[in-house]
Each structure stands twice: as structure tokens, then as C-alpha cells.
């Protein structure tokens, strides 16, 4: 069914970015941008609250692995004040260190964002995501660096964060998740204990959603084995 167009003012967008609501309502037709090929970003891209929607090759709306992203960020890039509508393909890719500031995913496609690179530092500050049947943030980084997710809202999701369980190159990955509000999710973080992953959760409002699922990862592409859940003081630290 075709979605209705509902006009929203700057005040509504500002409230969403500030975290007072989990997602932004539909933007007006004037602020919608149809994207048929990934937008390459180096430096800073400020969307000014516009909504970007996949079209053509980016418009299938499926969960297939290997889709291209709406935004393809070079190492060191910043993406801010952007709404990703539906479909959003594979969301955002970061080739290395990146900042995602006040980015809203109205309806997550394959993943909201995927992180790569060695010694890459990723900071997600503000924004929200909804309707991620599997992962919101997929961490495929190599050794070094860290991921920080803070001041974020998420609803109707599988995992907020997943350290890759079967990438060909594996490493110990670190994530800090703080001041996150989560509803209707399966788990906040999935980490690989055998590679020394560490997830630190603090000051979050997640209700009864499990903090962590613990896995034995591999580098063969096989499905990783889940071995436990919850804080263990080493790989999942909660305060």
C-alpha cells in the first residue's frame, strides 16, 4: 500500500534527533531524495534532515546479503542529520573510522550500518533505528579501534550490535553502548568470546531485553555457535 505523505516541521525533526521520540514521521515530498546508486562521502555530509530512499538497484527492500549501501563513507568521514527511509538497502558502510551523528533509520533494510577497516574508531551519537529483523550495527572491523553507540533509540530489532561471527579476518572488537533506549528487541550485543571481544554497557534503558549473547566465532563462514548470554565480567560488562 502506498505510504501517505505527511508534512512535518523542523520542530518534529529536531525532537527526534534529540531523542524525545524513537523515529521520525514521514517527511514531505520536498525533502525526499531517491537514491539509485550509493552516495560516496568523504569529509562531512550534512543531510539537513532530508530523507533518503533507495530506488532502482537500491530499492528492492530485501534482506539479502551483499547489497550496496545508500551512503558509502570513506575512512574519517562524518554523516549527520540524515533520515533513511524505506527501502534503505544496506544502509551505511564505513570503510574505516567514521561518525554517524543524528542519523535516523525509519525501517532498517539488510543492516543499518556496517563497519570495516583496521584501527577504525566508530562513533554513533544520537538518532534512532526501527524494524531491523536481524542486526542494526554490523561490526566487521579488523584489529584495533572501537565502536561507541550512545544517546540512541532502537525498537523492533534483532541485535543492536553484532561483532562478525564468521568473517574471514577476525579480531578482538570493543564496543561501548551507553544511554541507549531499546524496546522490542532480542538482544543488545552479540560478541565472540574466543576472539576476546568486549562489550561494555552502561546507563541504558533496555527493560528485560538481554544484554549480550556470547558466541564462539570462526573465520570459515560457518554459522557461529551461541554459548551463553548475559554479563560475564570479561566479554560482556554491564553497569
Protein backbone atom coordinates (compact mmCIF):
# COMPACT_ATOMS: atom_id res chain seq x y z
CA UNK A 1 0.00 0.00 0.00
CA UNK A 2 1.37 3.42 -0.92
CA UNK A 3 2.53 5.40 2.07
CA UNK A 4 0.78 8.75 2.63
CA UNK A 5 2.87 11.89 2.60
CA UNK A 6 2.67 13.70 5.92
CA UNK A 7 4.22 17.13 6.29
CA UNK A 8 6.47 17.53 9.29
CA UNK A 9 8.04 20.68 10.57
CA UNK A 10 11.59 21.31 11.67
CA UNK A 11 10.49 21.04 15.30
CA UNK A 12 9.45 17.41 14.86
CA UNK A 13 12.75 16.50 13.25
CA UNK A 14 14.67 18.33 15.96
CA UNK A 15 12.77 16.44 18.64
CA UNK A 16 13.57 13.12 17.01
CA UNK A 17 17.23 13.96 16.70
CA UNK A 18 17.28 14.99 20.36
CA UNK A 19 15.96 11.57 21.33
CA UNK A 20 12.48 12.57 22.53
CA UNK A 21 10.89 10.16 20.05
CA UNK A 22 12.20 6.89 18.67
CA UNK A 23 11.67 7.59 15.00
CA UNK A 24 10.79 10.48 12.74
CA UNK A 25 7.45 10.62 10.94
CA UNK A 26 7.22 10.64 7.17
CA UNK A 27 8.95 13.58 5.58
CA UNK A 28 7.31 15.80 2.97
CA UNK A 29 7.78 15.05 -0.70
CA UNK A 30 10.01 18.13 -0.96
CA UNK A 31 12.56 16.61 1.42
CA UNK A 32 12.64 13.09 -0.08
CA UNK A 33 15.71 12.14 -2.12
CA UNK A 34 15.61 8.99 -4.25
CA UNK A 35 18.97 7.23 -4.42
CA UNK A 36 19.74 4.85 -7.31
CA UNK A 37 23.49 4.46 -6.63
CA UNK A 38 25.48 4.68 -3.41
CA UNK A 39 26.36 8.21 -2.32
CA UNK A 40 30.13 8.41 -1.75
CA UNK A 41 31.06 10.50 1.29
CA UNK A 42 34.44 11.87 2.28
CA UNK A 43 34.72 14.65 4.82
CA UNK A 44 31.34 15.69 6.26
CA UNK A 45 27.91 15.13 4.71
CA UNK A 46 25.11 17.09 6.43
CA UNK A 47 21.73 15.95 5.13
CA UNK A 48 19.87 18.81 6.78
CA UNK A 49 17.05 16.47 7.80
CA UNK A 50 16.29 15.20 4.29
CA UNK A 51 15.03 11.65 3.87
CA UNK A 52 16.96 9.33 1.52
CA UNK A 53 15.12 6.39 -0.07
CA UNK A 54 16.58 3.55 -2.12
CA UNK A 55 15.35 3.30 -5.70
CA UNK A 56 16.23 1.19 -8.72
CA UNK A 57 19.03 -1.22 -7.79
CA UNK A 58 18.83 0.03 -4.17
CA UNK A 59 15.07 -0.27 -3.99
CA UNK A 60 14.35 -3.98 -3.50
CA UNK A 61 13.69 -3.68 0.22
CA UNK A 62 15.07 -7.20 0.78
CA UNK A 63 17.29 -8.70 3.47
CA UNK A 64 19.79 -10.24 1.03
CA UNK A 65 23.45 -10.15 1.99
CA UNK A 66 25.78 -8.15 -0.22
CA UNK A 67 23.52 -5.21 -1.06
CA UNK A 68 25.09 -1.83 -1.71
CA UNK A 69 24.56 0.94 0.84
CA UNK A 70 22.73 4.24 0.48
CA UNK A 71 25.78 6.03 1.93
CA UNK A 72 29.34 4.76 1.40
CA UNK A 73 31.68 6.55 3.81
CA UNK A 74 35.44 6.80 3.28
CA UNK A 75 37.71 6.48 6.30
CA UNK A 76 37.38 9.55 8.51
CA UNK A 77 34.01 10.66 7.13
CA UNK A 78 31.05 12.06 9.07
CA UNK A 79 27.37 11.58 8.20
CA UNK A 80 24.87 13.68 10.10
CA UNK A 81 21.26 14.88 10.17
CA UNK A 82 20.04 12.26 7.73
CA UNK A 83 16.87 10.15 7.63
CA UNK A 84 16.98 6.82 5.81
CA UNK A 85 13.50 5.84 4.67
CA UNK A 86 12.29 2.56 3.22
CA UNK A 87 13.76 0.87 1.35
CA UNK A 88 17.25 1.65 2.63
CA UNK A 89 19.24 -1.22 1.03
CA UNK A 90 22.32 -1.87 3.21
CA UNK A 91 22.09 1.48 4.94
CA UNK A 92 25.53 2.95 5.64
CA UNK A 93 29.01 1.47 5.07
CA UNK A 94 32.09 2.84 6.83
CA UNK A 95 35.43 1.90 5.26
CA UNK A 96 37.29 2.97 8.41
CA UNK A 97 36.81 5.44 11.23
CA UNK A 98 33.51 7.33 10.91
CA UNK A 99 30.98 9.40 12.81
CA UNK A 100 27.23 8.91 12.47
CA UNK A 101 25.51 11.83 14.18
CA UNK A 102 21.73 12.16 14.42
CA UNK A 103 21.10 9.53 11.75
CA UNK A 104 17.61 8.02 11.74
CA UNK A 105 16.72 4.69 10.12
CA UNK A 106 12.94 4.54 9.79
CA UNK A 107 12.90 0.94 8.51
CA UNK A 108 16.23 -0.91 8.53
CA UNK A 109 16.99 -2.91 5.40
CA UNK A 110 19.74 -5.55 5.42
CA UNK A 111 21.66 -3.73 8.20
CA UNK A 112 21.54 -0.12 9.35
CA UNK A 113 25.32 0.28 9.18
CA UNK A 114 28.38 -1.91 8.59
CA UNK A 115 31.87 -1.08 9.86
CA UNK A 116 35.17 -2.15 8.30
CA UNK A 117 38.84 -1.25 8.49
CA UNK A 118 41.75 -1.71 10.87
CA UNK A 119 42.27 0.63 13.84
CA UNK A 120 38.89 2.13 12.99
CA UNK A 121 37.06 4.22 15.58
CA UNK A 122 33.31 4.48 15.02
CA UNK A 123 31.01 6.81 16.98
CA UNK A 124 27.22 6.71 16.67
CA UNK A 125 25.79 9.65 18.62
CA UNK A 126 22.06 10.34 18.65
CA UNK A 127 19.49 9.14 16.14
CA UNK A 128 17.35 6.02 16.11
CA UNK A 129 16.54 2.83 14.23
CA UNK A 130 13.41 0.72 13.85
CA UNK A 131 12.31 -2.56 12.31
CA UNK A 132 15.61 -4.43 11.98
CA UNK A 133 14.67 -8.09 11.65
CA UNK A 134 18.30 -9.09 12.29
CA UNK A 135 21.14 -6.66 13.07
CA UNK A 136 21.23 -2.88 13.40
CA UNK A 137 25.02 -2.37 13.52
CA UNK A 138 27.32 -4.98 11.94
CA UNK A 139 30.96 -4.78 13.06
CA UNK A 140 33.38 -6.36 10.57
CA UNK A 141 36.44 -4.34 11.64
CA UNK A 142 39.92 -5.73 11.97
CA UNK A 143 42.19 -5.26 14.98
CA UNK A 144 42.30 -2.01 16.95
CA UNK A 145 39.89 0.87 17.32
CA UNK A 146 36.43 0.71 18.88
CA UNK A 147 32.72 1.31 18.36
CA UNK A 148 30.67 3.64 20.58
CA UNK A 149 26.87 3.76 20.42
CA UNK A 150 25.39 6.49 22.62
CA UNK A 151 22.24 8.57 23.04
CA UNK A 152 20.43 6.27 20.62
CA UNK A 153 16.92 4.79 20.42
CA UNK A 154 16.06 1.45 18.85
CA UNK A 155 12.84 -0.55 18.53
CA UNK A 156 11.64 -3.80 16.94
CA UNK A 157 15.06 -5.29 16.29
CA UNK A 158 17.09 -8.48 16.47
CA UNK A 159 20.53 -7.35 17.68
CA UNK A 160 21.58 -3.74 18.20
CA UNK A 161 25.24 -4.66 17.71
CA UNK A 162 26.94 -7.78 16.33
CA UNK A 163 30.64 -8.45 16.14
CA UNK A 164 31.05 -10.52 12.99
CA UNK A 165 30.85 -14.18 13.92
CA UNK A 166 32.26 -15.70 10.73
CA UNK A 167 34.34 -13.14 8.84
CA UNK A 168 37.47 -14.41 7.09
CA UNK A 169 39.55 -11.96 9.14
CA UNK A 170 38.76 -11.96 12.85
CA UNK A 171 40.00 -9.82 15.74
CA UNK A 172 39.12 -8.73 19.25
CA UNK A 173 36.50 -5.99 18.88
CA UNK A 174 35.43 -3.48 21.52
CA UNK A 175 32.06 -1.72 21.75
CA UNK A 176 30.65 0.70 24.31
CA UNK A 177 26.88 1.10 24.44
CA UNK A 178 25.61 3.88 26.68
CA UNK A 179 22.45 5.89 27.22
CA UNK A 180 20.53 3.72 24.75
CA UNK A 181 16.78 3.23 24.98
CA UNK A 182 15.63 -0.07 23.48
CA UNK A 183 12.21 -1.70 23.11
CA UNK A 184 11.03 -4.94 21.49
CA UNK A 185 14.44 -6.43 20.75
CA UNK A 186 16.07 -9.85 21.03
CA UNK A 187 19.46 -8.78 22.43
CA UNK A 188 21.63 -5.67 22.71
CA UNK A 189 25.04 -7.08 21.74
CA UNK A 190 26.40 -10.27 20.19
CA UNK A 191 30.13 -10.90 20.86
CA UNK A 192 32.69 -13.62 20.22
CA UNK A 193 34.31 -14.80 23.44
CA UNK A 194 37.04 -16.83 21.70
CA UNK A 195 38.41 -13.75 19.95
CA UNK A 196 38.36 -11.58 23.08
CA UNK A 197 35.51 -9.23 22.17
CA UNK A 198 34.40 -6.84 24.92
CA UNK A 199 31.00 -5.15 25.09
CA UNK A 200 30.59 -2.52 27.83
CA UNK A 201 27.02 -1.45 28.56
CA UNK A 202 26.27 1.43 30.91
CA UNK A 203 23.35 3.68 31.71
CA UNK A 204 20.96 2.06 29.25
CA UNK A 205 17.18 1.74 29.40
CA UNK A 206 16.52 -1.68 27.85
CA UNK A 207 13.90 -3.26 30.10
CA UNK A 208 14.06 -7.05 30.02
CA UNK A 209 16.00 -7.31 26.74
CA UNK A 210 19.11 -9.49 27.26
CA UNK A 211 22.35 -7.53 27.43
CA UNK A 212 24.59 -9.92 25.50
CA UNK A 213 24.65 -13.17 23.61
CA UNK A 214 28.01 -14.92 23.72
CA UNK A 215 29.33 -16.84 20.73
CA UNK A 216 32.26 -18.92 19.56
CA UNK A 217 33.13 -17.25 16.29
CA UNK A 218 35.06 -18.62 13.31
CA UNK A 219 36.80 -17.44 10.14
CA UNK A 220 35.35 -20.10 7.84
CA UNK A 221 31.96 -18.58 7.09
CA UNK A 222 30.12 -21.22 9.14
CA UNK A 223 27.29 -20.23 11.44
CA UNK A 224 28.84 -19.27 14.82
CA UNK A 225 27.85 -21.22 17.92
CA UNK A 226 25.97 -19.44 20.70
CA UNK A 227 27.49 -20.46 24.04
CA UNK A 228 25.78 -18.26 26.61
CA UNK A 229 24.10 -14.97 27.46
CA UNK A 230 24.37 -12.09 29.89
CA UNK A 231 27.23 -10.33 31.65
CA UNK A 232 30.28 -12.47 32.42
CA UNK A 233 32.67 -9.75 33.58
CA UNK A 234 35.04 -10.33 30.66
CA UNK A 235 33.28 -10.16 27.32
CA UNK A 236 30.06 -8.51 28.49
CA UNK A 237 30.39 -5.87 31.21
CA UNK A 238 27.24 -4.14 32.47
CA UNK A 239 26.95 -1.20 34.84
